[in-house]
């Protein structure tokens, strides 16, 4: 199967760019590099969904935890920022939020695409995520993409899976959800035929919540995820990339991933990427 291309593209007029710039100014930042702003403020504002375990979610005390959260805290420390403020958002709002200055960076499993790179800048990759088809446990009729023609397909809103299901699966009826937990729960109740979601995340959520769903078929694609931030923040990108590189080299990223991802070594996954994706 050829590599799936499914990012979404949004056209911005000159007026939108001007308004976005004004919003950044109103948020307390300047037109300068994000690095100086976060260091002056002493706080790194990090956007994540807070609803996609084990990557990021709220614990019993209502505090953000997970792989992305630990990575964010470590990155902040390494770029010289003491505090991290986690901002709840979603895939539909990440790019808009970065451009408007509502947060400094997105660390929430955002896939790198050419279309998104026109609107925001991305760090070097910090995780790889394999996308799979999930069905109800009792469903034995769906085993591949070809079996999804004309079916009701659940996806998380604003993800690349939503775009792919809408444009690449003939006759698909796409149902969007705010997060994977809601989509998989509805799938298990029989309100969708399948869901496109991270294989690891879907399996984790099914086990943790007792959902009657299962992954089927081969991985559709291994998606490369990176952190996004306002375009033109050259110094910020340099420091973020260095922090990620150092975390890979000194074993920190391996430790964090093994803690949250069932023993998976994310560094090994990243090193296995082809040169054009790493």
Protein backbone atom coordinates (compact mmCIF):
# COMPACT_ATOMS: atom_id res chain seq x y z
CA UNK A 1 0.00 0.00 0.00
CA UNK A 2 1.32 3.44 -0.85
CA UNK A 3 1.97 5.95 1.88
CA UNK A 4 -1.22 7.65 2.97
CA UNK A 5 -1.42 11.38 2.39
CA UNK A 6 -4.18 12.92 4.38
CA UNK A 7 -3.34 16.31 5.92
CA UNK A 8 -5.82 19.12 5.75
CA UNK A 9 -5.10 22.48 4.15
CA UNK A 10 -6.48 25.85 5.19
CA UNK A 11 -6.12 28.96 3.06
CA UNK A 12 -5.49 32.20 4.93
CA UNK A 13 -6.10 35.63 3.49
CA UNK A 14 -3.86 38.61 4.17
CA UNK A 15 -6.49 39.90 6.57
CA UNK A 16 -6.37 36.68 8.58
CA UNK A 17 -2.61 36.95 8.87
CA UNK A 18 -2.89 40.52 10.14
CA UNK A 19 -5.57 39.56 12.67
CA UNK A 20 -3.49 36.61 13.84
CA UNK A 21 -0.50 38.85 14.40
CA UNK A 22 -2.64 41.26 16.39
CA UNK A 23 -3.85 38.44 18.59
CA UNK A 24 -0.29 37.37 19.31
CA UNK A 25 0.45 40.87 20.50
CA UNK A 26 -2.65 40.87 22.70
CA UNK A 27 -1.58 37.58 24.30
CA UNK A 28 1.32 39.26 26.03
CA UNK A 29 4.01 38.22 23.52
CA UNK A 30 5.81 40.39 21.02
CA UNK A 31 6.62 39.88 17.38
CA UNK A 32 10.01 38.50 18.42
CA UNK A 33 11.13 34.92 18.83
CA UNK A 34 9.07 32.73 21.15
CA UNK A 35 12.20 31.68 23.07
CA UNK A 36 12.78 35.13 24.54
CA UNK A 37 9.11 35.50 25.41
CA UNK A 38 8.89 32.25 27.37
CA UNK A 39 12.14 32.95 29.18
CA UNK A 40 10.96 36.45 30.10
CA UNK A 41 7.63 35.03 31.32
CA UNK A 42 9.27 32.11 33.11
CA UNK A 43 6.49 29.85 31.81
CA UNK A 44 6.10 27.59 28.78
CA UNK A 45 2.44 27.32 27.72
CA UNK A 46 1.89 23.86 26.28
CA UNK A 47 -1.25 22.81 24.41
CA UNK A 48 -2.49 19.23 24.53
CA UNK A 49 -5.83 17.48 24.35
CA UNK A 50 -5.70 16.15 27.94
CA UNK A 51 -7.90 13.29 26.69
CA UNK A 52 -5.63 10.88 24.82
CA UNK A 53 -4.03 8.43 27.25
CA UNK A 54 -1.33 7.31 27.59
CA UNK A 55 0.04 10.27 25.62
CA UNK A 56 -1.73 12.91 27.71
CA UNK A 57 -4.75 12.80 30.03
CA UNK A 58 -6.00 13.95 33.43
CA UNK A 59 -5.33 11.85 36.51
CA UNK A 60 -7.78 11.33 39.38
CA UNK A 61 -6.76 14.69 40.81
CA UNK A 62 -7.47 16.45 37.53
CA UNK A 63 -3.81 17.07 36.72
CA UNK A 64 -2.29 16.44 33.26
CA UNK A 65 -0.11 13.33 33.09
CA UNK A 66 1.28 11.05 30.39
CA UNK A 67 4.10 10.75 27.89
CA UNK A 68 3.56 14.21 26.36
CA UNK A 69 3.36 15.83 29.79
CA UNK A 70 6.66 14.35 31.00
CA UNK A 71 8.32 15.27 27.70
CA UNK A 72 7.00 18.84 27.96
CA UNK A 73 8.32 19.32 31.49
CA UNK A 74 11.73 18.01 30.52
CA UNK A 75 11.90 20.19 27.40
CA UNK A 76 10.96 23.28 29.43
CA UNK A 77 13.71 22.55 31.96
CA UNK A 78 16.30 22.12 29.22
CA UNK A 79 15.47 25.41 27.51
CA UNK A 80 15.74 27.27 30.81
CA UNK A 81 12.07 27.70 31.77
CA UNK A 82 10.96 26.76 35.29
CA UNK A 83 7.19 26.57 34.91
CA UNK A 84 4.90 24.73 32.50
CA UNK A 85 1.28 25.75 32.00
CA UNK A 86 -0.81 23.09 30.24
CA UNK A 87 -3.60 24.44 28.07
CA UNK A 88 -6.48 22.17 27.06
CA UNK A 89 -7.14 22.28 23.32
CA UNK A 90 -7.85 19.90 20.43
CA UNK A 91 -6.58 19.01 16.98
CA UNK A 92 -9.05 21.37 15.34
CA UNK A 93 -7.66 24.34 17.29
CA UNK A 94 -3.92 23.64 17.61
CA UNK A 95 -2.77 25.61 14.56
CA UNK A 96 -5.14 28.50 15.19
CA UNK A 97 -4.06 28.62 18.83
CA UNK A 98 -0.38 28.72 17.98
CA UNK A 99 -0.90 31.48 15.43
CA UNK A 100 -3.06 33.49 17.83
CA UNK A 101 -0.60 33.15 20.72
CA UNK A 102 -2.95 31.29 23.04
CA UNK A 103 -0.08 28.91 23.79
CA UNK A 104 3.60 28.74 22.93
CA UNK A 105 3.88 25.16 21.70
CA UNK A 106 1.79 22.08 20.94
CA UNK A 107 3.09 18.81 22.40
CA UNK A 108 0.23 16.42 21.69
CA UNK A 109 1.07 13.91 18.98
CA UNK A 110 0.57 16.31 16.08
CA UNK A 111 1.47 14.79 12.71
CA UNK A 112 3.92 16.70 10.52
CA UNK A 113 2.43 17.49 7.11
CA UNK A 114 3.41 19.84 4.28
CA UNK A 115 0.13 21.74 4.63
CA UNK A 116 0.62 22.30 8.35
CA UNK A 117 4.22 23.38 7.79
CA UNK A 118 2.90 26.28 5.73
CA UNK A 119 1.14 27.63 8.84
CA UNK A 120 3.38 26.66 11.78
CA UNK A 121 6.93 25.45 12.35
CA UNK A 122 7.71 21.98 13.66
CA UNK A 123 10.45 20.60 15.87
CA UNK A 124 12.46 17.51 15.09
CA UNK A 125 10.26 14.39 15.65
CA UNK A 126 9.77 13.24 19.23
CA UNK A 127 7.48 10.25 18.63
CA UNK A 128 6.19 7.85 15.99
CA UNK A 129 2.60 6.67 15.99
CA UNK A 130 1.10 3.80 13.98
CA UNK A 131 -2.48 4.24 12.72
CA UNK A 132 -4.81 1.26 12.56
CA UNK A 133 -8.40 0.24 11.90
CA UNK A 134 -10.43 -0.67 14.99
CA UNK A 135 -13.76 -2.50 14.92
CA UNK A 136 -16.16 -3.89 17.50
CA UNK A 137 -14.84 -7.14 18.95
CA UNK A 138 -17.74 -9.07 17.42
CA UNK A 139 -17.20 -7.67 13.92
CA UNK A 140 -15.39 -10.11 11.62
CA UNK A 141 -16.37 -8.51 8.30
CA UNK A 142 -13.83 -5.66 8.32
CA UNK A 143 -10.16 -6.50 7.92
CA UNK A 144 -8.76 -3.90 5.51
CA UNK A 145 -9.31 -0.46 3.99
CA UNK A 146 -11.26 -2.01 1.13
CA UNK A 147 -13.82 -3.29 3.65
CA UNK A 148 -14.55 0.29 4.81
CA UNK A 149 -16.30 1.38 1.62
CA UNK A 150 -19.68 2.90 2.49
CA UNK A 151 -19.20 2.27 6.21
CA UNK A 152 -19.66 4.57 9.21
CA UNK A 153 -16.16 5.52 10.33
CA UNK A 154 -15.29 7.20 13.62
CA UNK A 155 -12.34 9.60 13.86
CA UNK A 156 -11.04 12.24 16.26
CA UNK A 157 -12.00 15.68 14.93
CA UNK A 158 -9.24 17.67 13.28
CA UNK A 159 -6.85 14.74 12.85
CA UNK A 160 -5.30 13.56 9.62
CA UNK A 161 -7.49 10.46 9.93
CA UNK A 162 -10.59 12.63 9.51
CA UNK A 163 -9.27 14.04 6.25
CA UNK A 164 -8.26 10.63 4.98
CA UNK A 165 -11.59 8.97 5.80
CA UNK A 166 -13.52 11.79 4.13
CA UNK A 167 -11.50 11.90 0.93
CA UNK A 168 -9.96 8.47 0.41
CA UNK A 169 -12.62 5.95 1.48
CA UNK A 170 -15.47 5.79 -1.08
CA UNK A 171 -18.91 6.34 0.40
CA UNK A 172 -17.64 6.68 3.95
CA UNK A 173 -19.92 8.28 6.52
CA UNK A 174 -17.47 10.03 8.84
CA UNK A 175 -18.38 10.63 12.49
CA UNK A 176 -16.12 12.97 14.44
CA UNK A 177 -15.41 12.92 18.16
CA UNK A 178 -13.47 15.24 20.44
CA UNK A 179 -11.08 12.46 21.41
CA UNK A 180 -10.29 8.79 20.81
CA UNK A 181 -11.93 7.61 24.03
CA UNK A 182 -15.34 8.89 22.96
CA UNK A 183 -14.98 7.47 19.46
CA UNK A 184 -13.90 4.01 20.60
CA UNK A 185 -16.64 3.92 23.23
CA UNK A 186 -19.26 4.69 20.58
CA UNK A 187 -17.69 2.10 18.28
CA UNK A 188 -17.98 -0.53 21.00
CA UNK A 189 -21.66 0.35 21.40
CA UNK A 190 -22.28 -0.33 17.72
CA UNK A 191 -22.74 3.29 16.64
CA UNK A 192 -19.95 3.09 14.04
CA UNK A 193 -18.50 0.32 11.90
CA UNK A 194 -14.84 1.20 12.46
CA UNK A 195 -12.48 3.82 13.83
CA UNK A 196 -9.14 5.05 12.50
CA UNK A 197 -6.82 5.71 15.44
CA UNK A 198 -3.36 5.04 16.83
CA UNK A 199 -3.00 1.27 17.26
CA UNK A 200 -1.14 1.69 20.54
CA UNK A 201 -3.55 4.26 21.92
CA UNK A 202 -6.63 2.33 20.85
CA UNK A 203 -5.38 -0.87 22.46
CA UNK A 204 -4.49 1.02 25.65
CA UNK A 205 -7.90 2.69 25.88
CA UNK A 206 -9.72 -0.58 25.19
CA UNK A 207 -7.87 -2.30 28.01
CA UNK A 208 -8.19 0.55 30.50
CA UNK A 209 -11.90 1.14 29.88
CA UNK A 210 -13.10 -2.39 29.15
CA UNK A 211 -14.15 -1.45 25.61
CA UNK A 212 -15.23 -4.25 23.28
CA UNK A 213 -13.11 -3.15 20.32
CA UNK A 214 -10.07 -4.60 18.54
CA UNK A 215 -7.42 -3.56 15.98
CA UNK A 216 -7.62 -5.33 12.61
CA UNK A 217 -5.36 -5.63 9.59
CA UNK A 218 -1.97 -4.06 9.01
CA UNK A 219 -0.90 -0.61 10.16
CA UNK A 220 -2.15 1.98 7.70
CA UNK A 221 0.87 4.17 8.28
CA UNK A 222 3.49 5.13 10.83
CA UNK A 223 2.93 8.83 11.43
CA UNK A 224 5.75 11.11 12.49
CA UNK A 225 4.77 13.46 15.32
CA UNK A 226 6.52 16.68 16.31
CA UNK A 227 5.97 19.80 18.39
CA UNK A 228 4.55 22.88 16.64
CA UNK A 229 4.97 26.59 17.34
CA UNK A 230 4.72 29.99 15.64
CA UNK A 231 6.47 30.31 12.28
CA UNK A 232 9.76 32.14 12.19
CA UNK A 233 10.78 31.30 15.77
CA UNK A 234 14.28 30.27 14.73
CA UNK A 235 15.96 30.43 18.13
CA UNK A 236 13.05 28.68 19.83
CA UNK A 237 13.19 25.85 17.29
CA UNK A 238 16.95 25.53 17.73
CA UNK A 239 16.61 25.14 21.50
CA UNK A 240 13.63 22.77 21.27
CA UNK A 241 15.43 20.58 18.73
CA UNK A 242 18.53 20.49 20.92
CA UNK A 243 16.47 19.50 23.95
CA UNK A 244 14.86 16.62 22.04
CA UNK A 245 18.19 15.50 20.61
CA UNK A 246 19.81 15.52 24.05
CA UNK A 247 16.88 13.58 25.53
CA UNK A 248 17.36 10.94 22.84
CA UNK A 249 21.11 10.74 23.38
CA UNK A 250 21.13 10.61 27.18
CA UNK A 251 18.31 8.05 27.53
CA UNK A 252 15.68 10.39 28.96
CA UNK A 253 13.19 9.84 26.13
CA UNK A 254 13.65 6.08 26.39
CA UNK A 255 12.90 6.25 30.12
CA UNK A 256 9.77 8.35 29.63
CA UNK A 257 8.40 6.17 26.83
CA UNK A 258 9.01 2.93 28.72
CA UNK A 259 7.17 4.41 31.69
CA UNK A 260 4.03 5.33 29.74
CA UNK A 261 4.02 3.16 26.62
CA UNK A 262 4.13 -0.34 28.01
CA UNK A 263 7.90 -0.71 27.75
CA UNK A 264 8.15 0.67 24.20
CA UNK A 265 11.45 2.43 23.46
CA UNK A 266 10.46 5.50 21.43
CA UNK A 267 14.10 6.23 20.63
CA UNK A 268 14.36 2.94 18.74
CA UNK A 269 11.20 3.84 16.81
CA UNK A 270 12.60 7.26 15.89
CA UNK A 271 15.95 5.86 14.81
CA UNK A 272 14.17 3.41 12.51
CA UNK A 273 12.59 6.25 10.51
CA UNK A 274 13.81 6.75 6.93
CA UNK A 275 16.12 9.79 6.53
CA UNK A 276 13.45 11.91 4.83
CA UNK A 277 11.15 11.60 7.87
CA UNK A 278 13.66 11.94 10.70
